[in-house]
Amino acid sequence: PAAMTPVPPAKDAAADKMAKVDEAKAAKAKANADK
């Protein structure tokens, strides 16, 4: 169980990172569109 414990946080961290990247891309695209 101890070895399996870090797996979900790693997946969550990767998902959060991907979500932040997508949000940054969306914000940049919106800024370009507004410009």
PDB file of all heavy atoms in Angstrom:
ATOM      1  N   PRO A   1       0.813  -1.220   0.000  1.00  0.00           N
ATOM      2  CA  PRO A   1       0.000   0.000   0.000  1.00  0.00           C
ATOM      3  C   PRO A   1       0.842   1.263   0.000  1.00  0.00           C
ATOM      4  O   PRO A   1       0.513   2.245  -0.627  1.00  0.00           O
ATOM      5  CB  PRO A   1      -0.839  -0.118   1.279  1.00  0.00           C
ATOM      6  CG  PRO A   1      -0.847  -1.585   1.589  1.00  0.00           C
ATOM      7  CD  PRO A   1       0.468  -2.095   1.127  1.00  0.00           C
ATOM      8  N   ALA A   2       2.006   1.222   0.727  1.00  0.00           N
ATOM      9  CA  ALA A   2       2.852   2.410   0.764  1.00  0.00           C
ATOM     10  C   ALA A   2       3.402   2.704  -0.617  1.00  0.00           C
ATOM     11  O   ALA A   2       3.526   3.849  -1.029  1.00  0.00           O
ATOM     12  CB  ALA A   2       3.986   2.207   1.765  1.00  0.00           C
ATOM     13  N   ALA A   3       3.757   1.616  -1.367  1.00  0.00           N
ATOM     14  CA  ALA A   3       4.289   1.839  -2.710  1.00  0.00           C
ATOM     15  C   ALA A   3       3.220   2.364  -3.650  1.00  0.00           C
ATOM     16  O   ALA A   3       3.504   3.114  -4.569  1.00  0.00           O
ATOM     17  CB  ALA A   3       4.871   0.535  -3.255  1.00  0.00           C
ATOM     18  N   MET A   4       1.978   1.959  -3.408  1.00  0.00           N
ATOM     19  CA  MET A   4       0.895   2.391  -4.290  1.00  0.00           C
ATOM     20  C   MET A   4       0.394   3.791  -3.960  1.00  0.00           C
ATOM     21  O   MET A   4      -0.236   4.436  -4.761  1.00  0.00           O
ATOM     22  CB  MET A   4      -0.273   1.399  -4.189  1.00  0.00           C
ATOM     23  CG  MET A   4       0.062   0.006  -4.694  1.00  0.00           C
ATOM     24  SD  MET A   4       0.510   0.002  -6.429  1.00  0.00           S
ATOM     25  CE  MET A   4      -1.079   0.394  -7.141  1.00  0.00           C
ATOM     26  N   THR A   5       0.679   4.250  -2.722  1.00  0.00           N
ATOM     27  CA  THR A   5       0.142   5.536  -2.280  1.00  0.00           C
ATOM     28  C   THR A   5       0.580   6.708  -3.156  1.00  0.00           C
ATOM     29  O   THR A   5      -0.229   7.549  -3.504  1.00  0.00           O
ATOM     30  CB  THR A   5       0.536   5.793  -0.812  1.00  0.00           C
ATOM     31  OG1 THR A   5       0.038   4.708  -0.023  1.00  0.00           O
ATOM     32  CG2 THR A   5      -0.052   7.110  -0.321  1.00  0.00           C
ATOM     33  N   PRO A   6       1.878   6.808  -3.576  1.00  0.00           N
ATOM     34  CA  PRO A   6       2.284   7.989  -4.358  1.00  0.00           C
ATOM     35  C   PRO A   6       1.666   8.072  -5.741  1.00  0.00           C
ATOM     36  O   PRO A   6       1.716   9.107  -6.362  1.00  0.00           O
ATOM     37  CB  PRO A   6       3.813   7.821  -4.457  1.00  0.00           C
ATOM     38  CG  PRO A   6       4.177   6.877  -3.361  1.00  0.00           C
ATOM     39  CD  PRO A   6       3.000   5.970  -3.219  1.00  0.00           C
ATOM     40  N   VAL A   7       1.122   6.943  -6.260  1.00  0.00           N
ATOM     41  CA  VAL A   7       0.645   6.951  -7.645  1.00  0.00           C
ATOM     42  C   VAL A   7      -0.477   7.944  -7.889  1.00  0.00           C
ATOM     43  O   VAL A   7      -0.402   8.761  -8.795  1.00  0.00           O
ATOM     44  CB  VAL A   7       0.216   5.526  -8.076  1.00  0.00           C
ATOM     45  CG1 VAL A   7      -0.360   5.541  -9.478  1.00  0.00           C
ATOM     46  CG2 VAL A   7       1.408   4.599  -7.994  1.00  0.00           C
ATOM     47  N   PRO A   8      -1.587   7.938  -7.068  1.00  0.00           N
ATOM     48  CA  PRO A   8      -2.654   8.915  -7.335  1.00  0.00           C
ATOM     49  C   PRO A   8      -2.203  10.354  -7.271  1.00  0.00           C
ATOM     50  O   PRO A   8      -2.551  11.142  -8.130  1.00  0.00           O
ATOM     51  CB  PRO A   8      -3.707   8.576  -6.263  1.00  0.00           C
ATOM     52  CG  PRO A   8      -3.438   7.163  -5.900  1.00  0.00           C
ATOM     53  CD  PRO A   8      -1.951   6.990  -6.021  1.00  0.00           C
ATOM     54  N   PRO A   9      -1.351  10.757  -6.242  1.00  0.00           N
ATOM     55  CA  PRO A   9      -0.904  12.147  -6.254  1.00  0.00           C
ATOM     56  C   PRO A   9      -0.129  12.504  -7.506  1.00  0.00           C
ATOM     57  O   PRO A   9      -0.216  13.610  -8.011  1.00  0.00           O
ATOM     58  CB  PRO A   9      -0.022  12.235  -4.992  1.00  0.00           C
ATOM     59  CG  PRO A   9      -0.560  11.169  -4.100  1.00  0.00           C
ATOM     60  CD  PRO A   9      -0.991  10.066  -5.004  1.00  0.00           C
ATOM     61  N   ALA A  10       0.689  11.542  -8.002  1.00  0.00           N
ATOM     62  CA  ALA A  10       1.444  11.822  -9.219  1.00  0.00           C
ATOM     63  C   ALA A  10       0.505  12.070 -10.381  1.00  0.00           C
ATOM     64  O   ALA A  10       0.700  12.992 -11.177  1.00  0.00           O
ATOM     65  CB  ALA A  10       2.383  10.653  -9.520  1.00  0.00           C
ATOM     66  N   LYS A  11      -0.546  11.240 -10.478  1.00  0.00           N
ATOM     67  CA  LYS A  11      -1.515  11.426 -11.563  1.00  0.00           C
ATOM     68  C   LYS A  11      -2.254  12.752 -11.396  1.00  0.00           C
ATOM     69  O   LYS A  11      -2.497  13.469 -12.364  1.00  0.00           O
ATOM     70  CB  LYS A  11      -2.496  10.257 -11.581  1.00  0.00           C
ATOM     71  CG  LYS A  11      -1.871   8.939 -12.027  1.00  0.00           C
ATOM     72  CD  LYS A  11      -2.914   7.845 -12.092  1.00  0.00           C
ATOM     73  CE  LYS A  11      -2.302   6.530 -12.566  1.00  0.00           C
ATOM     74  NZ  LYS A  11      -3.304   5.443 -12.625  1.00  0.00           N
ATOM     75  N   ASP A  12      -2.607  13.059 -10.119  1.00  0.00           N
ATOM     76  CA  ASP A  12      -3.301  14.327  -9.874  1.00  0.00           C
ATOM     77  C   ASP A  12      -2.414  15.509 -10.222  1.00  0.00           C
ATOM     78  O   ASP A  12      -2.867  16.508 -10.792  1.00  0.00           O
ATOM     79  CB  ASP A  12      -3.725  14.403  -8.400  1.00  0.00           C
ATOM     80  CG  ASP A  12      -4.797  13.372  -8.070  1.00  0.00           C
ATOM     81  OD1 ASP A  12      -5.427  12.877  -9.024  1.00  0.00           O
ATOM     82  OD2 ASP A  12      -4.996  13.067  -6.891  1.00  0.00           O
ATOM     83  N   ALA A  13      -1.118  15.415  -9.874  1.00  0.00           N
ATOM     84  CA  ALA A  13      -0.197  16.504 -10.189  1.00  0.00           C
ATOM     85  C   ALA A  13      -0.068  16.676 -11.692  1.00  0.00           C
ATOM     86  O   ALA A  13      -0.052  17.802 -12.209  1.00  0.00           O
ATOM     87  CB  ALA A  13       1.166  16.223  -9.566  1.00  0.00           C
ATOM     88  N   ALA A  14       0.023  15.542 -12.401  1.00  0.00           N
ATOM     89  CA  ALA A  14       0.122  15.629 -13.858  1.00  0.00           C
ATOM     90  C   ALA A  14      -1.143  16.228 -14.450  1.00  0.00           C
ATOM     91  O   ALA A  14      -1.092  17.051 -15.368  1.00  0.00           O
ATOM     92  CB  ALA A  14       0.372  14.235 -14.445  1.00  0.00           C
ATOM     93  N   ALA A  15      -2.312  15.816 -13.897  1.00  0.00           N
ATOM     94  CA  ALA A  15      -3.576  16.359 -14.399  1.00  0.00           C
ATOM     95  C   ALA A  15      -3.676  17.859 -14.128  1.00  0.00           C
ATOM     96  O   ALA A  15      -4.117  18.639 -14.972  1.00  0.00           O
ATOM     97  CB  ALA A  15      -4.746  15.619 -13.753  1.00  0.00           C
ATOM     98  N   ASP A  16      -3.248  18.265 -12.908  1.00  0.00           N
ATOM     99  CA  ASP A  16      -3.268  19.695 -12.581  1.00  0.00           C
ATOM    100  C   ASP A  16      -2.341  20.478 -13.500  1.00  0.00           C
ATOM    101  O   ASP A  16      -2.678  21.583 -13.944  1.00  0.00           O
ATOM    102  CB  ASP A  16      -2.848  19.901 -11.111  1.00  0.00           C
ATOM    103  CG  ASP A  16      -3.887  19.355 -10.142  1.00  0.00           C
ATOM    104  OD1 ASP A  16      -5.046  19.167 -10.579  1.00  0.00           O
ATOM    105  OD2 ASP A  16      -3.551  19.106  -8.973  1.00  0.00           O
ATOM    106  N   LYS A  17      -1.181  19.912 -13.769  1.00  0.00           N
ATOM    107  CA  LYS A  17      -0.229  20.595 -14.650  1.00  0.00           C
ATOM    108  C   LYS A  17      -0.800  20.753 -16.052  1.00  0.00           C
ATOM    109  O   LYS A  17      -0.694  21.830 -16.659  1.00  0.00           O
ATOM    110  CB  LYS A  17       1.073  19.789 -14.702  1.00  0.00           C
ATOM    111  CG  LYS A  17       2.183  20.484 -15.495  1.00  0.00           C
ATOM    112  CD  LYS A  17       3.470  19.688 -15.422  1.00  0.00           C
ATOM    113  CE  LYS A  17       4.577  20.391 -16.207  1.00  0.00           C
ATOM    114  NZ  LYS A  17       5.851  19.623 -16.155  1.00  0.00           N
ATOM    115  N   MET A  18      -1.431  19.681 -16.551  1.00  0.00           N
ATOM    116  CA  MET A  18      -2.042  19.754 -17.876  1.00  0.00           C
ATOM    117  C   MET A  18      -3.187  20.759 -17.898  1.00  0.00           C
ATOM    118  O   MET A  18      -3.368  21.502 -18.863  1.00  0.00           O
ATOM    119  CB  MET A  18      -2.554  18.367 -18.290  1.00  0.00           C
ATOM    120  CG  MET A  18      -1.444  17.371 -18.585  1.00  0.00           C
ATOM    121  SD  MET A  18      -0.356  17.888 -19.923  1.00  0.00           S
ATOM    122  CE  MET A  18      -1.531  17.917 -21.287  1.00  0.00           C
ATOM    123  N   ALA A  19      -3.961  20.802 -16.795  1.00  0.00           N
ATOM    124  CA  ALA A  19      -5.068  21.756 -16.728  1.00  0.00           C
ATOM    125  C   ALA A  19      -4.546  23.184 -16.747  1.00  0.00           C
ATOM    126  O   ALA A  19      -5.106  24.062 -17.420  1.00  0.00           O
ATOM    127  CB  ALA A  19      -5.892  21.502 -15.460  1.00  0.00           C
ATOM    128  N   LYS A  20      -3.452  23.433 -15.997  1.00  0.00           N
ATOM    129  CA  LYS A  20      -2.872  24.778 -15.984  1.00  0.00           C
ATOM    130  C   LYS A  20      -2.332  25.159 -17.355  1.00  0.00           C
ATOM    131  O   LYS A  20      -2.460  26.303 -17.800  1.00  0.00           O
ATOM    132  CB  LYS A  20      -1.764  24.850 -14.931  1.00  0.00           C
ATOM    133  CG  LYS A  20      -2.275  24.799 -13.503  1.00  0.00           C
ATOM    134  CD  LYS A  20      -1.130  24.858 -12.507  1.00  0.00           C
ATOM    135  CE  LYS A  20      -1.653  24.816 -11.075  1.00  0.00           C
ATOM    136  NZ  LYS A  20      -0.557  24.850 -10.088  1.00  0.00           N
ATOM    137  N   VAL A  21      -1.706  24.185 -18.029  1.00  0.00           N
ATOM    138  CA  VAL A  21      -1.189  24.454 -19.380  1.00  0.00           C
ATOM    139  C   VAL A  21      -2.326  24.790 -20.331  1.00  0.00           C
ATOM    140  O   VAL A  21      -2.244  25.730 -21.135  1.00  0.00           O
ATOM    141  CB  VAL A  21      -0.390  23.237 -19.904  1.00  0.00           C
ATOM    142  CG1 VAL A  21      -0.053  23.404 -21.376  1.00  0.00           C
ATOM    143  CG2 VAL A  21       0.883  23.056 -19.082  1.00  0.00           C
ATOM    144  N   ASP A  22      -3.432  24.016 -20.229  1.00  0.00           N
ATOM    145  CA  ASP A  22      -4.590  24.289 -21.087  1.00  0.00           C
ATOM    146  C   ASP A  22      -5.190  25.658 -20.783  1.00  0.00           C
ATOM    147  O   ASP A  22      -5.592  26.392 -21.702  1.00  0.00           O
ATOM    148  CB  ASP A  22      -5.650  23.192 -20.879  1.00  0.00           C
ATOM    149  CG  ASP A  22      -5.187  21.850 -21.402  1.00  0.00           C
ATOM    150  OD1 ASP A  22      -4.276  21.840 -22.240  1.00  0.00           O
ATOM    151  OD2 ASP A  22      -5.732  20.821 -20.969  1.00  0.00           O
ATOM    152  N   GLU A  23      -5.267  26.008 -19.484  1.00  0.00           N
ATOM    153  CA  GLU A  23      -5.808  27.316 -19.122  1.00  0.00           C
ATOM    154  C   GLU A  23      -4.928  28.444 -19.656  1.00  0.00           C
ATOM    155  O   GLU A  23      -5.431  29.462 -20.155  1.00  0.00           O
ATOM    156  CB  GLU A  23      -5.906  27.423 -17.591  1.00  0.00           C
ATOM    157  CG  GLU A  23      -7.009  26.560 -16.989  1.00  0.00           C
ATOM    158  CD  GLU A  23      -7.014  26.637 -15.474  1.00  0.00           C
ATOM    159  OE1 GLU A  23      -6.161  27.367 -14.919  1.00  0.00           O
ATOM    160  OE2 GLU A  23      -7.872  25.978 -14.846  1.00  0.00           O
ATOM    161  N   ALA A  24      -3.589  28.256 -19.576  1.00  0.00           N
ATOM    162  CA  ALA A  24      -2.671  29.281 -20.098  1.00  0.00           C
ATOM    163  C   ALA A  24      -2.828  29.436 -21.604  1.00  0.00           C
ATOM    164  O   ALA A  24      -2.855  30.553 -22.142  1.00  0.00           O
ATOM    165  CB  ALA A  24      -1.235  28.896 -19.743  1.00  0.00           C
ATOM    166  N   LYS A  25      -2.969  28.296 -22.297  1.00  0.00           N
ATOM    167  CA  LYS A  25      -3.165  28.361 -23.752  1.00  0.00           C
ATOM    168  C   LYS A  25      -4.472  29.058 -24.101  1.00  0.00           C
ATOM    169  O   LYS A  25      -4.527  29.874 -25.028  1.00  0.00           O
ATOM    170  CB  LYS A  25      -3.158  26.943 -24.335  1.00  0.00           C
ATOM    171  CG  LYS A  25      -1.784  26.281 -24.340  1.00  0.00           C
ATOM    172  CD  LYS A  25      -1.851  24.906 -24.970  1.00  0.00           C
ATOM    173  CE  LYS A  25      -0.480  24.250 -25.015  1.00  0.00           C
ATOM    174  NZ  LYS A  25      -0.546  22.888 -25.630  1.00  0.00           N
ATOM    175  N   ALA A  26      -5.532  28.730 -23.348  1.00  0.00           N
ATOM    176  CA  ALA A  26      -6.831  29.345 -23.612  1.00  0.00           C
ATOM    177  C   ALA A  26      -6.774  30.856 -23.360  1.00  0.00           C
ATOM    178  O   ALA A  26      -7.315  31.657 -24.134  1.00  0.00           O
ATOM    179  CB  ALA A  26      -7.902  28.700 -22.741  1.00  0.00           C
ATOM    180  N   ALA A  27      -6.091  31.252 -22.261  1.00  0.00           N
ATOM    181  CA  ALA A  27      -5.982  32.680 -21.952  1.00  0.00           C
ATOM    182  C   ALA A  27      -5.183  33.412 -23.039  1.00  0.00           C
ATOM    183  O   ALA A  27      -5.539  34.518 -23.462  1.00  0.00           O
ATOM    184  CB  ALA A  27      -5.307  32.862 -20.589  1.00  0.00           C
ATOM    185  N   LYS A  28      -4.112  32.786 -23.498  1.00  0.00           N
ATOM    186  CA  LYS A  28      -3.296  33.400 -24.548  1.00  0.00           C
ATOM    187  C   LYS A  28      -4.088  33.521 -25.852  1.00  0.00           C
ATOM    188  O   LYS A  28      -4.027  34.549 -26.537  1.00  0.00           O
ATOM    189  CB  LYS A  28      -2.040  32.557 -24.776  1.00  0.00           C
ATOM    190  CG  LYS A  28      -1.060  33.181 -25.751  1.00  0.00           C
ATOM    191  CD  LYS A  28       0.212  32.347 -25.846  1.00  0.00           C
ATOM    192  CE  LYS A  28       1.197  32.989 -26.813  1.00  0.00           C
ATOM    193  NZ  LYS A  28       2.443  32.185 -26.924  1.00  0.00           N
ATOM    194  N   ALA A  29      -4.841  32.455 -26.184  1.00  0.00           N
ATOM    195  CA  ALA A  29      -5.653  32.493 -27.403  1.00  0.00           C
ATOM    196  C   ALA A  29      -6.711  33.586 -27.317  1.00  0.00           C
ATOM    197  O   ALA A  29      -6.974  34.309 -28.281  1.00  0.00           O
ATOM    198  CB  ALA A  29      -6.307  31.125 -27.632  1.00  0.00           C
ATOM    199  N   LYS A  30      -7.335  33.741 -26.126  1.00  0.00           N
ATOM    200  CA  LYS A  30      -8.355  34.778 -25.934  1.00  0.00           C
ATOM    201  C   LYS A  30      -7.739  36.176 -26.067  1.00  0.00           C
ATOM    202  O   LYS A  30      -8.322  37.081 -26.671  1.00  0.00           O
ATOM    203  CB  LYS A  30      -9.014  34.616 -24.570  1.00  0.00           C
ATOM    204  CG  LYS A  30     -10.201  35.561 -24.345  1.00  0.00           C
ATOM    205  CD  LYS A  30     -10.854  35.282 -23.007  1.00  0.00           C
ATOM    206  CE  LYS A  30     -12.087  36.149 -22.800  1.00  0.00           C
ATOM    207  NZ  LYS A  30     -11.769  37.581 -22.850  1.00  0.00           N
ATOM    208  N   ALA A  31      -6.525  36.333 -25.471  1.00  0.00           N
ATOM    209  CA  ALA A  31      -5.856  37.636 -25.565  1.00  0.00           C
ATOM    210  C   ALA A  31      -5.537  37.981 -27.013  1.00  0.00           C
ATOM    211  O   ALA A  31      -5.734  39.122 -27.458  1.00  0.00           O
ATOM    212  CB  ALA A  31      -4.580  37.615 -24.721  1.00  0.00           C
ATOM    213  N   ASN A  32      -5.072  36.991 -27.770  1.00  0.00           N
ATOM    214  CA  ASN A  32      -4.771  37.229 -29.186  1.00  0.00           C
ATOM    215  C   ASN A  32      -6.041  37.568 -29.964  1.00  0.00           C
ATOM    216  O   ASN A  32      -6.039  38.462 -30.817  1.00  0.00           O
ATOM    217  CB  ASN A  32      -4.105  35.997 -29.786  1.00  0.00           C
ATOM    218  CG  ASN A  32      -2.701  35.785 -29.248  1.00  0.00           C
ATOM    219  OD1 ASN A  32      -2.052  36.737 -28.810  1.00  0.00           O
ATOM    220  ND2 ASN A  32      -2.213  34.555 -29.273  1.00  0.00           N
ATOM    221  N   ALA A  33      -7.131  36.854 -29.652  1.00  0.00           N
ATOM    222  CA  ALA A  33      -8.399  37.117 -30.338  1.00  0.00           C
ATOM    223  C   ALA A  33      -8.903  38.529 -30.026  1.00  0.00           C
ATOM    224  O   ALA A  33      -9.374  39.251 -30.907  1.00  0.00           O
ATOM    225  CB  ALA A  33      -9.433  36.069 -29.938  1.00  0.00           C
ATOM    226  N   ASP A  34      -8.789  38.925 -28.742  1.00  0.00           N
ATOM    227  CA  ASP A  34      -9.221  40.274 -28.355  1.00  0.00           C
ATOM    228  C   ASP A  34      -8.366  41.336 -29.048  1.00  0.00           C
ATOM    229  O   ASP A  34      -8.878  42.384 -29.477  1.00  0.00           O
ATOM    230  CB  ASP A  34      -9.117  40.432 -26.831  1.00  0.00           C
ATOM    231  CG  ASP A  34     -10.132  39.570 -26.099  1.00  0.00           C
ATOM    232  OD1 ASP A  34     -11.125  39.147 -26.743  1.00  0.00           O
ATOM    233  OD2 ASP A  34      -9.942  39.306 -24.898  1.00  0.00           O
ATOM    234  N   LYS A  35      -7.075  41.068 -29.177  1.00  0.00           N
ATOM    235  CA  LYS A  35      -6.175  42.021 -29.831  1.00  0.00           C
ATOM    236  C   LYS A  35      -6.534  42.176 -31.304  1.00  0.00           C
ATOM    237  O   LYS A  35      -6.592  43.294 -31.832  1.00  0.00           O
ATOM    238  CB  LYS A  35      -4.732  41.523 -29.682  1.00  0.00           C
ATOM    239  CG  LYS A  35      -3.693  42.506 -30.182  1.00  0.00           C
ATOM    240  CD  LYS A  35      -2.303  41.973 -29.901  1.00  0.00           C
ATOM    241  CE  LYS A  35      -1.252  42.967 -30.405  1.00  0.00           C
ATOM    242  NZ  LYS A  35       0.130  42.460 -30.143  1.00  0.00           N
TER     243      LYS A  35
END
